[in-house]
Amino acid sequence: MIFINYATNLDRFAVKFWGVRGSHPTPGPQTVRFGGNTACVEVRLGERTLILDAGTGLIPLGRELVRRARRDGKPLDLVILLSHLHHDHTQGIPFFAPAYLPNARLRIYGPGTSAEGLSRVLEANQSQPTFPVGLHEMAAVKEFRSLRETDVLVLEGEQARLAGPDEAVGEETVRVRIHRSYAHPGGVYAYRLEWRGRSLVYATDTEGYVGVDRRLAAFSAGADLLIHDAQYSEAHYRGQVPGWPATQGYGHSTVEMACDLAAAAGVDRLVLFHHDPAYDDAAVAAAEAQARARFPRALAAFEGLELEVDGRGRGRLLLVPRGEAAASPLLTKGK
């Protein structure tokens, strides 16, 4: 097991999963191993923190971020990238502890027709009579920005700006590229994060095509880490599970679709994400086993999983919670 000293390692590109489910939270004894919170992934690039989606996994992440800020004596400056605005990707925001700190800064970016449109949708999620505290009553400084597929978001120091697709940037600059998928109701953004020659692609809530989604494969080409929707088993997707409907057209992928995309894109490691809330731990573990038979460096996301993107063909393990997940043969250095 490898642990990183976060106080001194300024070259870290670390990814931690705080919520891995889709559709709605699913707590209980049948989901202890993989977790029941909805989508939220923390990415730490040096001293910078980016958050991919704001499902209920954002709530425990928020408490941890406040703890770190108090320990380090530094105010929080966070970037939240929303893939889309469905509830399971935004429902953690009303309970996000940093949003209540007046010295915190939240940059919330995502799809929408305008920055005002993005904030209005989020405000509607926590307005009276359904929630007592409005979005704009939360004390943190908040910046909203609606992104387009052609935008390239550049993070330099304390600044965030839009850049041209071929603009040269410094080594310390984080570049965020966008791919819009129409294979989900209302559309969804996939994000590609690039920093110091390393890359991560986050592609949740997208449904694969016959022969793979070539546009998404090109967008993901050569990434060190691909986090991809894999909500359904093939039998579930095809309506072959008694009592469950077919899910073709729902906007989510099967394990096979995720693996085929990873192979077509030539990525180093695949993490299966957005597990169906009806799947217990055994079902997710079975999906992981199926994935490894098709793409050997595949892994099912679980809450607490932390990987380092080191750019040398190794997604190294930083932290494994207790339980069966710790026995995974892929979660070792160099595997």
C-alpha atoms as a PDB file:
ATOM      1  CA  MET A   1       0.000   0.000   0.000  1.00  0.00           C
ATOM      2  CA  ILE A   2       1.292   3.466  -0.898  1.00  0.00           C
ATOM      3  CA  PHE A   3       0.529   6.611   1.071  1.00  0.00           C
ATOM      4  CA  ILE A   4       1.381  10.092  -0.121  1.00  0.00           C
ATOM      5  CA  ASN A   5       2.395  12.999   2.098  1.00  0.00           C
ATOM      6  CA  TYR A   6      -0.021  15.613   0.823  1.00  0.00           C
ATOM      7  CA  ALA A   7       1.797  18.404   2.650  1.00  0.00           C
ATOM      8  CA  THR A   8       4.952  18.011   0.522  1.00  0.00           C
ATOM      9  CA  ASN A   9       4.014  16.238  -2.705  1.00  0.00           C
ATOM     10  CA  LEU A  10       3.205  19.113  -5.041  1.00  0.00           C
ATOM     11  CA  ASP A  11       3.335  16.872  -8.101  1.00  0.00           C
ATOM     12  CA  ARG A  12       0.421  14.662  -7.073  1.00  0.00           C
ATOM     13  CA  PHE A  13      -2.441  13.922  -9.462  1.00  0.00           C
ATOM     14  CA  ALA A  14      -4.692  12.035  -7.066  1.00  0.00           C
ATOM     15  CA  VAL A  15      -8.266  10.902  -7.646  1.00  0.00           C
ATOM     16  CA  LYS A  16     -10.630   9.933  -4.831  1.00  0.00           C
ATOM     17  CA  PHE A  17     -14.150   8.562  -5.177  1.00  0.00           C
ATOM     18  CA  TRP A  18     -16.731   9.906  -2.717  1.00  0.00           C
ATOM     19  CA  GLY A  19     -19.908   8.797  -4.519  1.00  0.00           C
ATOM     20  CA  VAL A  20     -20.150   6.076  -7.170  1.00  0.00           C
ATOM     21  CA  ARG A  21     -23.878   5.326  -7.602  1.00  0.00           C
ATOM     22  CA  GLY A  22     -26.319   6.592 -10.168  1.00  0.00           C
ATOM     23  CA  SER A  23     -29.952   7.728 -10.040  1.00  0.00           C
ATOM     24  CA  HIS A  24     -30.431   7.899  -6.265  1.00  0.00           C
ATOM     25  CA  PRO A  25     -28.555   7.111  -3.036  1.00  0.00           C
ATOM     26  CA  THR A  26     -28.765   3.520  -1.882  1.00  0.00           C
ATOM     27  CA  PRO A  27     -27.558   3.091   1.704  1.00  0.00           C
ATOM     28  CA  GLY A  28     -27.827  -0.170   3.601  1.00  0.00           C
ATOM     29  CA  PRO A  29     -26.038  -3.425   4.391  1.00  0.00           C
ATOM     30  CA  GLN A  30     -26.093  -4.601   0.769  1.00  0.00           C
ATOM     31  CA  THR A  31     -23.984  -1.673  -0.479  1.00  0.00           C
ATOM     32  CA  VAL A  32     -21.321  -1.388   2.225  1.00  0.00           C
ATOM     33  CA  ARG A  33     -18.442  -2.580   0.057  1.00  0.00           C
ATOM     34  CA  PHE A  34     -18.909  -0.217  -2.896  1.00  0.00           C
ATOM     35  CA  GLY A  35     -20.960   2.509  -1.220  1.00  0.00           C
ATOM     36  CA  GLY A  36     -24.347   4.097  -1.753  1.00  0.00           C
ATOM     37  CA  ASN A  37     -23.685   7.814  -2.385  1.00  0.00           C
ATOM     38  CA  THR A  38     -24.321   9.367  -5.793  1.00  0.00           C
ATOM     39  CA  ALA A  39     -21.695  10.721  -8.159  1.00  0.00           C
ATOM     40  CA  CYS A  40     -18.807  12.757  -6.783  1.00  0.00           C
ATOM     41  CA  VAL A  41     -15.091  12.455  -7.572  1.00  0.00           C
ATOM     42  CA  GLU A  42     -12.324  14.577  -6.054  1.00  0.00           C
ATOM     43  CA  VAL A  43      -9.244  15.339  -8.164  1.00  0.00           C
ATOM     44  CA  ARG A  44      -6.195  16.878  -6.498  1.00  0.00           C
ATOM     45  CA  LEU A  45      -3.655  18.450  -8.838  1.00  0.00           C
ATOM     46  CA  GLY A  46      -0.791  19.716  -6.738  1.00  0.00           C
ATOM     47  CA  GLU A  47      -2.434  22.164  -4.329  1.00  0.00           C
ATOM     48  CA  ARG A  48      -5.539  22.572  -6.486  1.00  0.00           C
ATOM     49  CA  THR A  49      -8.799  20.678  -5.891  1.00  0.00           C
ATOM     50  CA  LEU A  50     -11.344  19.979  -8.622  1.00  0.00           C
ATOM     51  CA  ILE A  51     -14.631  18.173  -8.005  1.00  0.00           C
ATOM     52  CA  LEU A  52     -16.394  16.176 -10.684  1.00  0.00           C
ATOM     53  CA  ASP A  53     -20.151  16.240 -10.038  1.00  0.00           C
ATOM     54  CA  ALA A  54     -21.975  17.055  -6.841  1.00  0.00           C
ATOM     55  CA  GLY A  55     -24.114  14.073  -5.858  1.00  0.00           C
ATOM     56  CA  THR A  56     -24.488  13.038  -2.232  1.00  0.00           C
ATOM     57  CA  GLY A  57     -20.819  12.021  -2.141  1.00  0.00           C
ATOM     58  CA  LEU A  58     -20.157  15.782  -2.027  1.00  0.00           C
ATOM     59  CA  ILE A  59     -21.463  15.888   1.546  1.00  0.00           C
ATOM     60  CA  PRO A  60     -18.707  13.816   3.234  1.00  0.00           C
ATOM     61  CA  LEU A  61     -16.159  15.382   0.885  1.00  0.00           C
ATOM     62  CA  GLY A  62     -17.267  18.824   2.097  1.00  0.00           C
ATOM     63  CA  ARG A  63     -16.671  17.872   5.728  1.00  0.00           C
ATOM     64  CA  GLU A  64     -13.209  16.577   4.826  1.00  0.00           C
ATOM     65  CA  LEU A  65     -12.353  19.750   2.892  1.00  0.00           C
ATOM     66  CA  VAL A  66     -13.306  21.914   5.871  1.00  0.00           C
ATOM     67  CA  ARG A  67     -11.146  19.743   8.135  1.00  0.00           C
ATOM     68  CA  ARG A  68      -8.179  20.130   5.781  1.00  0.00           C
ATOM     69  CA  ALA A  69      -8.678  23.902   5.530  1.00  0.00           C
ATOM     70  CA  ARG A  70      -8.652  24.253   9.309  1.00  0.00           C
ATOM     71  CA  ARG A  71      -5.561  22.053   9.568  1.00  0.00           C
ATOM     72  CA  ASP A  72      -3.657  23.959   6.886  1.00  0.00           C
ATOM     73  CA  GLY A  73      -4.946  27.430   7.783  1.00  0.00           C
ATOM     74  CA  LYS A  74      -5.848  28.168   4.157  1.00  0.00           C
ATOM     75  CA  PRO A  75      -9.183  29.285   2.660  1.00  0.00           C
ATOM     76  CA  LEU A  76     -10.838  26.931   0.200  1.00  0.00           C
ATOM     77  CA  ASP A  77     -10.830  27.724  -3.525  1.00  0.00           C
ATOM     78  CA  LEU A  78     -12.670  24.914  -5.299  1.00  0.00           C
ATOM     79  CA  VAL A  79     -13.721  24.152  -8.878  1.00  0.00           C
ATOM     80  CA  ILE A  80     -16.853  22.029  -9.333  1.00  0.00           C
ATOM     81  CA  LEU A  81     -17.440  20.632 -12.831  1.00  0.00           C
ATOM     82  CA  LEU A  82     -20.988  19.397 -13.388  1.00  0.00           C
ATOM     83  CA  SER A  83     -21.526  16.825 -16.122  1.00  0.00           C
ATOM     84  CA  HIS A  84     -25.237  17.719 -16.280  1.00  0.00           C
ATOM     85  CA  LEU A  85     -27.950  18.937 -13.943  1.00  0.00           C
ATOM     86  CA  HIS A  86     -29.893  15.797 -13.049  1.00  0.00           C
ATOM     87  CA  HIS A  87     -30.565  15.454  -9.325  1.00  0.00           C
ATOM     88  CA  ASP A  88     -28.108  12.637  -8.688  1.00  0.00           C
ATOM     89  CA  HIS A  89     -25.307  14.948  -9.855  1.00  0.00           C
ATOM     90  CA  THR A  90     -26.328  18.072  -7.919  1.00  0.00           C
ATOM     91  CA  GLN A  91     -28.160  16.911  -4.772  1.00  0.00           C
ATOM     92  CA  GLY A  92     -25.120  17.308  -2.513  1.00  0.00           C
ATOM     93  CA  ILE A  93     -24.801  21.083  -3.027  1.00  0.00           C
ATOM     94  CA  PRO A  94     -27.348  22.175  -0.376  1.00  0.00           C
ATOM     95  CA  PHE A  95     -25.389  20.193   2.235  1.00  0.00           C
ATOM     96  CA  PHE A  96     -21.866  21.109   1.082  1.00  0.00           C
ATOM     97  CA  ALA A  97     -20.144  22.509   4.170  1.00  0.00           C
ATOM     98  CA  PRO A  98     -17.667  24.814   2.340  1.00  0.00           C
ATOM     99  CA  ALA A  99     -20.599  26.629   0.718  1.00  0.00           C
ATOM    100  CA  TYR A 100     -21.472  28.021   4.149  1.00  0.00           C
ATOM    101  CA  LEU A 101     -17.990  29.502   4.809  1.00  0.00           C
ATOM    102  CA  PRO A 102     -17.652  33.206   3.927  1.00  0.00           C
ATOM    103  CA  ASN A 103     -13.929  32.841   3.169  1.00  0.00           C
ATOM    104  CA  ALA A 104     -14.449  29.957   0.717  1.00  0.00           C
ATOM    105  CA  ARG A 105     -14.671  30.392  -3.038  1.00  0.00           C
ATOM    106  CA  LEU A 106     -16.663  28.014  -5.227  1.00  0.00           C
ATOM    107  CA  ARG A 107     -16.346  28.079  -9.014  1.00  0.00           C
ATOM    108  CA  ILE A 108     -19.277  26.041 -10.331  1.00  0.00           C
ATOM    109  CA  TYR A 109     -19.080  25.262 -14.048  1.00  0.00           C
ATOM    110  CA  GLY A 110     -21.272  23.123 -16.231  1.00  0.00           C
ATOM    111  CA  PRO A 111     -23.726  22.989 -19.130  1.00  0.00           C
ATOM    112  CA  GLY A 112     -26.397  25.604 -19.619  1.00  0.00           C
ATOM    113  CA  THR A 113     -27.378  28.454 -21.866  1.00  0.00           C
ATOM    114  CA  SER A 114     -25.790  31.065 -19.572  1.00  0.00           C
ATOM    115  CA  ALA A 115     -24.190  31.476 -16.166  1.00  0.00           C
ATOM    116  CA  GLU A 116     -27.503  32.838 -14.923  1.00  0.00           C
ATOM    117  CA  GLY A 117     -29.326  29.821 -16.329  1.00  0.00           C
ATOM    118  CA  LEU A 118     -26.967  27.446 -14.550  1.00  0.00           C
ATOM    119  CA  SER A 119     -27.403  29.207 -11.213  1.00  0.00           C
ATOM    120  CA  ARG A 120     -31.200  29.376 -11.647  1.00  0.00           C
ATOM    121  CA  VAL A 121     -31.432  25.602 -12.069  1.00  0.00           C
ATOM    122  CA  LEU A 122     -29.318  25.027  -8.967  1.00  0.00           C
ATOM    123  CA  GLU A 123     -31.273  27.645  -7.024  1.00  0.00           C
ATOM    124  CA  ALA A 124     -34.539  25.913  -7.913  1.00  0.00           C
ATOM    125  CA  ASN A 125     -33.204  22.721  -6.326  1.00  0.00           C
ATOM    126  CA  GLN A 126     -33.059  24.365  -2.908  1.00  0.00           C
ATOM    127  CA  SER A 127     -35.756  26.998  -2.892  1.00  0.00           C
ATOM    128  CA  GLN A 128     -38.798  27.341  -0.626  1.00  0.00           C
ATOM    129  CA  PRO A 129     -40.818  25.348   0.237  1.00  0.00           C
ATOM    130  CA  THR A 130     -38.539  22.388  -0.504  1.00  0.00           C
ATOM    131  CA  PHE A 131     -35.389  23.674   1.236  1.00  0.00           C
ATOM    132  CA  PRO A 132     -34.882  26.389   3.863  1.00  0.00           C
ATOM    133  CA  VAL A 133     -31.609  27.910   2.585  1.00  0.00           C
ATOM    134  CA  GLY A 134     -31.353  29.338  -0.907  1.00  0.00           C
ATOM    135  CA  LEU A 135     -28.245  28.920  -3.020  1.00  0.00           C
ATOM    136  CA  HIS A 136     -27.438  32.620  -2.884  1.00  0.00           C
ATOM    137  CA  GLU A 137     -27.904  32.699   0.887  1.00  0.00           C
ATOM    138  CA  MET A 138     -24.949  30.357   1.335  1.00  0.00           C
ATOM    139  CA  ALA A 139     -22.039  32.483   2.544  1.00  0.00           C
ATOM    140  CA  ALA A 140     -19.244  31.345   0.207  1.00  0.00           C
ATOM    141  CA  VAL A 141     -18.219  33.461  -2.756  1.00  0.00           C
ATOM    142  CA  LYS A 142     -19.690  31.714  -5.780  1.00  0.00           C
ATOM    143  CA  GLU A 143     -18.875  32.011  -9.463  1.00  0.00           C
ATOM    144  CA  PHE A 144     -21.072  30.321 -12.064  1.00  0.00           C
ATOM    145  CA  ARG A 145     -19.997  29.723 -15.626  1.00  0.00           C
ATOM    146  CA  SER A 146     -21.851  27.929 -18.391  1.00  0.00           C
ATOM    147  CA  LEU A 147     -19.432  26.052 -20.616  1.00  0.00           C
ATOM    148  CA  ARG A 148     -19.781  25.073 -24.257  1.00  0.00           C
ATOM    149  CA  GLU A 149     -18.267  22.032 -25.929  1.00  0.00           C
ATOM    150  CA  THR A 150     -15.822  24.229 -27.839  1.00  0.00           C
ATOM    151  CA  ASP A 151     -14.519  25.836 -24.646  1.00  0.00           C
ATOM    152  CA  VAL A 152     -11.184  24.942 -23.103  1.00  0.00           C
ATOM    153  CA  LEU A 153     -11.052  25.865 -19.439  1.00  0.00           C
ATOM    154  CA  VAL A 154      -7.603  26.840 -18.195  1.00  0.00           C
ATOM    155  CA  LEU A 155      -6.717  27.069 -14.505  1.00  0.00           C
ATOM    156  CA  GLU A 156      -3.580  29.069 -13.743  1.00  0.00           C
ATOM    157  CA  GLY A 157      -2.737  29.977 -10.176  1.00  0.00           C
ATOM    158  CA  GLU A 158      -5.871  31.582  -8.765  1.00  0.00           C
ATOM    159  CA  GLN A 159      -7.240  32.396 -12.198  1.00  0.00           C
ATOM    160  CA  ALA A 160      -9.728  30.480 -14.354  1.00  0.00           C
ATOM    161  CA  ARG A 161     -10.227  31.500 -17.973  1.00  0.00           C
ATOM    162  CA  LEU A 162     -11.219  30.175 -21.377  1.00  0.00           C
ATOM    163  CA  ALA A 163      -8.448  29.479 -23.875  1.00  0.00           C
ATOM    164  CA  GLY A 164      -8.120  28.519 -27.509  1.00  0.00           C
ATOM    165  CA  PRO A 165      -7.852  24.788 -28.265  1.00  0.00           C
ATOM    166  CA  ASP A 166      -4.224  25.088 -29.379  1.00  0.00           C
ATOM    167  CA  GLU A 167      -3.082  27.832 -27.036  1.00  0.00           C
ATOM    168  CA  ALA A 168       0.266  27.108 -25.387  1.00  0.00           C
ATOM    169  CA  VAL A 169       0.097  27.022 -21.608  1.00  0.00           C
ATOM    170  CA  GLY A 170       2.620  26.573 -18.805  1.00  0.00           C
ATOM    171  CA  GLU A 171       3.491  23.283 -17.132  1.00  0.00           C
ATOM    172  CA  GLU A 172       1.572  24.208 -13.996  1.00  0.00           C
ATOM    173  CA  THR A 173      -1.594  25.023 -15.926  1.00  0.00           C
ATOM    174  CA  VAL A 174      -4.566  22.685 -15.706  1.00  0.00           C
ATOM    175  CA  ARG A 175      -6.390  22.297 -19.016  1.00  0.00           C
ATOM    176  CA  VAL A 176     -10.003  21.056 -19.060  1.00  0.00           C
ATOM    177  CA  ARG A 177     -11.452  19.946 -22.381  1.00  0.00           C
ATOM    178  CA  ILE A 178     -15.139  19.157 -22.986  1.00  0.00           C
ATOM    179  CA  HIS A 179     -16.984  16.545 -25.005  1.00  0.00           C
ATOM    180  CA  ARG A 180     -20.751  16.830 -25.296  1.00  0.00           C
ATOM    181  CA  SER A 181     -22.567  13.523 -25.588  1.00  0.00           C
ATOM    182  CA  TYR A 182     -26.138  13.306 -26.818  1.00  0.00           C
ATOM    183  CA  ALA A 183     -26.441   9.704 -25.645  1.00  0.00           C
ATOM    184  CA  HIS A 184     -28.229  10.753 -22.438  1.00  0.00           C
ATOM    185  CA  PRO A 185     -31.541  12.593 -21.997  1.00  0.00           C
ATOM    186  CA  GLY A 186     -30.798  16.324 -22.241  1.00  0.00           C
ATOM    187  CA  GLY A 187     -27.149  15.724 -23.114  1.00  0.00           C
ATOM    188  CA  VAL A 188     -24.125  15.414 -20.848  1.00  0.00           C
ATOM    189  CA  TYR A 189     -20.555  16.702 -20.690  1.00  0.00           C
ATOM    190  CA  ALA A 190     -17.514  14.480 -20.463  1.00  0.00           C
ATOM    191  CA  TYR A 191     -14.391  16.209 -19.167  1.00  0.00           C
ATOM    192  CA  ARG A 192     -10.725  15.620 -19.927  1.00  0.00           C
ATOM    193  CA  LEU A 193      -8.313  16.984 -17.310  1.00  0.00           C
ATOM    194  CA  GLU A 194      -4.694  17.447 -18.405  1.00  0.00           C
ATOM    195  CA  TRP A 195      -1.807  18.488 -16.161  1.00  0.00           C
ATOM    196  CA  ARG A 196       1.937  17.899 -16.323  1.00  0.00           C
ATOM    197  CA  GLY A 197       1.609  15.429 -19.161  1.00  0.00           C
ATOM    198  CA  ARG A 198      -1.014  13.311 -17.400  1.00  0.00           C
ATOM    199  CA  SER A 199      -4.689  12.994 -18.203  1.00  0.00           C
ATOM    200  CA  LEU A 200      -8.008  11.814 -16.817  1.00  0.00           C
ATOM    201  CA  VAL A 201     -11.310  11.477 -18.671  1.00  0.00           C
ATOM    202  CA  TYR A 202     -14.609  11.530 -16.776  1.00  0.00           C
ATOM    203  CA  ALA A 203     -17.451  10.182 -18.928  1.00  0.00           C
ATOM    204  CA  THR A 204     -20.496   9.406 -16.829  1.00  0.00           C
ATOM    205  CA  ASP A 205     -24.141   9.107 -17.949  1.00  0.00           C
ATOM    206  CA  THR A 206     -23.434   8.169 -21.525  1.00  0.00           C
ATOM    207  CA  GLU A 207     -24.738   5.225 -23.535  1.00  0.00           C
ATOM    208  CA  GLY A 208     -22.437   3.316 -25.846  1.00  0.00           C
ATOM    209  CA  TYR A 209     -23.024   2.761 -29.524  1.00  0.00           C
ATOM    210  CA  VAL A 210     -22.613  -0.306 -31.710  1.00  0.00           C
ATOM    211  CA  GLY A 211     -18.949  -0.244 -32.669  1.00  0.00           C
ATOM    212  CA  VAL A 212     -18.269   2.216 -29.773  1.00  0.00           C
ATOM    213  CA  ASP A 213     -18.771   5.958 -29.647  1.00  0.00           C
ATOM    214  CA  ARG A 214     -15.962   7.044 -31.966  1.00  0.00           C
ATOM    215  CA  ARG A 215     -16.133  10.706 -30.941  1.00  0.00           C
ATOM    216  CA  LEU A 216     -15.773   9.833 -27.283  1.00  0.00           C
ATOM    217  CA  ALA A 217     -12.997   7.342 -28.075  1.00  0.00           C
ATOM    218  CA  ALA A 218     -11.071  10.068 -29.882  1.00  0.00           C
ATOM    219  CA  PHE A 219     -11.653  12.479 -26.994  1.00  0.00           C
ATOM    220  CA  SER A 220     -10.374   9.867 -24.518  1.00  0.00           C
ATOM    221  CA  ALA A 221      -7.440   8.680 -26.637  1.00  0.00           C
ATOM    222  CA  GLY A 222      -4.357   7.784 -24.619  1.00  0.00           C
ATOM    223  CA  ALA A 223      -5.736   8.924 -21.270  1.00  0.00           C
ATOM    224  CA  ASP A 224      -4.025   7.555 -18.174  1.00  0.00           C
ATOM    225  CA  LEU A 225      -7.368   7.049 -16.449  1.00  0.00           C
ATOM    226  CA  LEU A 226     -10.893   6.724 -17.851  1.00  0.00           C
ATOM    227  CA  ILE A 227     -13.858   6.913 -15.476  1.00  0.00           C
ATOM    228  CA  HIS A 228     -16.799   5.623 -17.497  1.00  0.00           C
ATOM    229  CA  ASP A 229     -20.469   4.951 -16.892  1.00  0.00           C
ATOM    230  CA  ALA A 230     -21.183   1.222 -16.566  1.00  0.00           C
ATOM    231  CA  GLN A 231     -24.572   1.217 -14.892  1.00  0.00           C
ATOM    232  CA  TYR A 232     -26.044  -1.940 -16.378  1.00  0.00           C
ATOM    233  CA  SER A 233     -25.217  -5.553 -16.972  1.00  0.00           C
ATOM    234  CA  GLU A 234     -25.736  -6.685 -20.557  1.00  0.00           C
ATOM    235  CA  ALA A 235     -28.700  -8.863 -19.505  1.00  0.00           C
ATOM    236  CA  HIS A 236     -30.357  -5.958 -17.679  1.00  0.00           C
ATOM    237  CA  TYR A 237     -29.789  -3.629 -20.627  1.00  0.00           C
ATOM    238  CA  ARG A 238     -31.387  -6.113 -23.012  1.00  0.00           C
ATOM    239  CA  GLY A 239     -34.389  -6.813 -20.773  1.00  0.00           C
ATOM    240  CA  GLN A 240     -33.335 -10.383 -20.023  1.00  0.00           C
ATOM    241  CA  VAL A 241     -33.596 -10.099 -16.225  1.00  0.00           C
ATOM    242  CA  PRO A 242     -37.041 -11.217 -15.025  1.00  0.00           C
ATOM    243  CA  GLY A 243     -39.013  -8.369 -13.485  1.00  0.00           C
ATOM    244  CA  TRP A 244     -36.731  -5.621 -14.798  1.00  0.00           C
ATOM    245  CA  PRO A 245     -37.363  -3.634 -17.998  1.00  0.00           C
ATOM    246  CA  ALA A 246     -34.871  -3.272 -20.817  1.00  0.00           C
ATOM    247  CA  THR A 247     -32.875  -0.060 -20.425  1.00  0.00           C
ATOM    248  CA  GLN A 248     -31.751   0.603 -23.982  1.00  0.00           C
ATOM    249  CA  GLY A 249     -32.156   4.321 -24.604  1.00  0.00           C
ATOM    250  CA  TYR A 250     -31.965   5.260 -20.910  1.00  0.00           C
ATOM    251  CA  GLY A 251     -28.612   6.975 -21.478  1.00  0.00           C
ATOM    252  CA  HIS A 252     -26.323   4.609 -19.569  1.00  0.00           C
ATOM    253  CA  SER A 253     -23.741   2.067 -20.645  1.00  0.00           C
ATOM    254  CA  THR A 254     -23.149  -1.585 -19.983  1.00  0.00           C
ATOM    255  CA  VAL A 255     -19.884  -2.955 -18.636  1.00  0.00           C
ATOM    256  CA  GLU A 256     -19.077  -4.223 -22.137  1.00  0.00           C
ATOM    257  CA  MET A 257     -19.641  -0.773 -23.656  1.00  0.00           C
ATOM    258  CA  ALA A 258     -17.266   0.823 -21.144  1.00  0.00           C
ATOM    259  CA  CYS A 259     -14.583  -1.807 -21.779  1.00  0.00           C
ATOM    260  CA  ASP A 260     -14.855  -1.527 -25.548  1.00  0.00           C
ATOM    261  CA  LEU A 261     -14.550   2.257 -25.345  1.00  0.00           C
ATOM    262  CA  ALA A 262     -11.476   1.950 -23.114  1.00  0.00           C
ATOM    263  CA  ALA A 263      -9.857  -0.456 -25.585  1.00  0.00           C
ATOM    264  CA  ALA A 264     -10.695   1.711 -28.608  1.00  0.00           C
ATOM    265  CA  ALA A 265      -9.279   4.798 -26.863  1.00  0.00           C
ATOM    266  CA  GLY A 266      -6.113   3.012 -25.733  1.00  0.00           C
ATOM    267  CA  VAL A 267      -6.422   4.200 -22.140  1.00  0.00           C
ATOM    268  CA  ASP A 268      -4.232   2.786 -19.390  1.00  0.00           C
ATOM    269  CA  ARG A 269      -6.833   2.115 -16.692  1.00  0.00           C
ATOM    270  CA  LEU A 270     -10.634   1.977 -16.661  1.00  0.00           C
ATOM    271  CA  VAL A 271     -12.797   2.645 -13.618  1.00  0.00           C
ATOM    272  CA  LEU A 272     -16.435   1.518 -13.858  1.00  0.00           C
ATOM    273  CA  PHE A 273     -18.741   4.184 -12.438  1.00  0.00           C
ATOM    274  CA  HIS A 274     -22.371   5.147 -11.798  1.00  0.00           C
ATOM    275  CA  HIS A 275     -23.428   1.720 -10.509  1.00  0.00           C
ATOM    276  CA  ASP A 276     -27.145   0.972 -10.682  1.00  0.00           C
ATOM    277  CA  PRO A 277     -28.785   1.628  -7.289  1.00  0.00           C
ATOM    278  CA  ALA A 278     -30.595  -1.716  -7.509  1.00  0.00           C
ATOM    279  CA  TYR A 279     -27.280  -3.607  -7.655  1.00  0.00           C
ATOM    280  CA  ASP A 280     -25.944  -4.936  -4.381  1.00  0.00           C
ATOM    281  CA  ASP A 281     -22.246  -5.419  -3.683  1.00  0.00           C
ATOM    282  CA  ALA A 282     -22.250  -8.899  -5.192  1.00  0.00           C
ATOM    283  CA  ALA A 283     -23.710  -7.602  -8.463  1.00  0.00           C
ATOM    284  CA  VAL A 284     -21.117  -4.827  -8.730  1.00  0.00           C
ATOM    285  CA  ALA A 285     -18.320  -7.285  -7.936  1.00  0.00           C
ATOM    286  CA  ALA A 286     -19.610  -9.581 -10.680  1.00  0.00           C
ATOM    287  CA  ALA A 287     -19.599  -6.655 -13.107  1.00  0.00           C
ATOM    288  CA  GLU A 288     -15.998  -5.915 -12.163  1.00  0.00           C
ATOM    289  CA  ALA A 289     -15.006  -9.528 -12.842  1.00  0.00           C
ATOM    290  CA  GLN A 290     -16.712  -9.416 -16.233  1.00  0.00           C
ATOM    291  CA  ALA A 291     -14.913  -6.189 -17.054  1.00  0.00           C
ATOM    292  CA  ARG A 292     -11.493  -7.616 -16.242  1.00  0.00           C
ATOM    293  CA  ALA A 293     -12.078 -10.507 -18.601  1.00  0.00           C
ATOM    294  CA  ARG A 294     -12.608  -7.963 -21.384  1.00  0.00           C
ATOM    295  CA  PHE A 295     -10.233  -5.170 -20.288  1.00  0.00           C
ATOM    296  CA  PRO A 296      -7.731  -6.465 -17.687  1.00  0.00           C
ATOM    297  CA  ARG A 297      -6.964  -3.090 -16.125  1.00  0.00           C
ATOM    298  CA  ALA A 298     -10.590  -2.414 -15.229  1.00  0.00           C
ATOM    299  CA  LEU A 299     -11.800  -1.700 -11.715  1.00  0.00           C
ATOM    300  CA  ALA A 300     -15.204  -0.948 -10.193  1.00  0.00           C
ATOM    301  CA  ALA A 301     -15.248   2.347  -8.311  1.00  0.00           C
ATOM    302  CA  PHE A 302     -15.996   2.225  -4.604  1.00  0.00           C
ATOM    303  CA  GLU A 303     -16.229   4.955  -1.999  1.00  0.00           C
ATOM    304  CA  GLY A 304     -12.785   5.638  -0.584  1.00  0.00           C
ATOM    305  CA  LEU A 305     -10.912   4.356  -3.615  1.00  0.00           C
ATOM    306  CA  GLU A 306      -7.972   6.646  -4.271  1.00  0.00           C
ATOM    307  CA  LEU A 307      -5.644   6.391  -7.264  1.00  0.00           C
ATOM    308  CA  GLU A 308      -2.620   8.375  -8.304  1.00  0.00           C
ATOM    309  CA  VAL A 309      -2.297   9.220 -11.976  1.00  0.00           C
ATOM    310  CA  ASP A 310       1.466   9.039 -12.391  1.00  0.00           C
ATOM    311  CA  GLY A 311       1.696   9.035 -16.194  1.00  0.00           C
ATOM    312  CA  ARG A 312       3.928   5.978 -16.270  1.00  0.00           C
ATOM    313  CA  GLY A 313       1.308   3.336 -16.951  1.00  0.00           C
ATOM    314  CA  ARG A 314       0.520   2.707 -13.305  1.00  0.00           C
ATOM    315  CA  GLY A 315      -2.613   3.899 -11.515  1.00  0.00           C
ATOM    316  CA  ARG A 316      -1.156   3.340  -8.068  1.00  0.00           C
ATOM    317  CA  LEU A 317      -3.248   2.623  -5.010  1.00  0.00           C
ATOM    318  CA  LEU A 318      -3.193   5.165  -2.213  1.00  0.00           C
ATOM    319  CA  LEU A 319      -5.977   4.042   0.074  1.00  0.00           C
ATOM    320  CA  VAL A 320      -8.250   1.025   0.345  1.00  0.00           C
ATOM    321  CA  PRO A 321     -11.000   0.819   2.981  1.00  0.00           C
ATOM    322  CA  ARG A 322     -11.263  -2.325   5.050  1.00  0.00           C
ATOM    323  CA  GLY A 323     -13.232  -5.210   3.591  1.00  0.00           C
ATOM    324  CA  GLU A 324     -13.185  -7.370   0.502  1.00  0.00           C
ATOM    325  CA  ALA A 325     -12.244  -4.507  -1.822  1.00  0.00           C
ATOM    326  CA  ALA A 326      -8.771  -4.435  -0.274  1.00  0.00           C
ATOM    327  CA  ALA A 327      -8.071  -7.858  -1.756  1.00  0.00           C
ATOM    328  CA  SER A 328      -8.353  -6.690  -5.376  1.00  0.00           C
ATOM    329  CA  PRO A 329      -5.290  -7.889  -7.332  1.00  0.00           C
ATOM    330  CA  LEU A 330      -5.321  -4.687  -9.426  1.00  0.00           C
ATOM    331  CA  LEU A 331      -4.920  -2.409  -6.434  1.00  0.00           C
ATOM    332  CA  THR A 332      -1.182  -2.746  -6.070  1.00  0.00           C
ATOM    333  CA  LYS A 333       1.784  -0.762  -7.274  1.00  0.00           C
ATOM    334  CA  GLY A 334       2.607  -1.402 -10.890  1.00  0.00           C
ATOM    335  CA  LYS A 335      -0.320  -3.755 -11.491  1.00  0.00           C
END
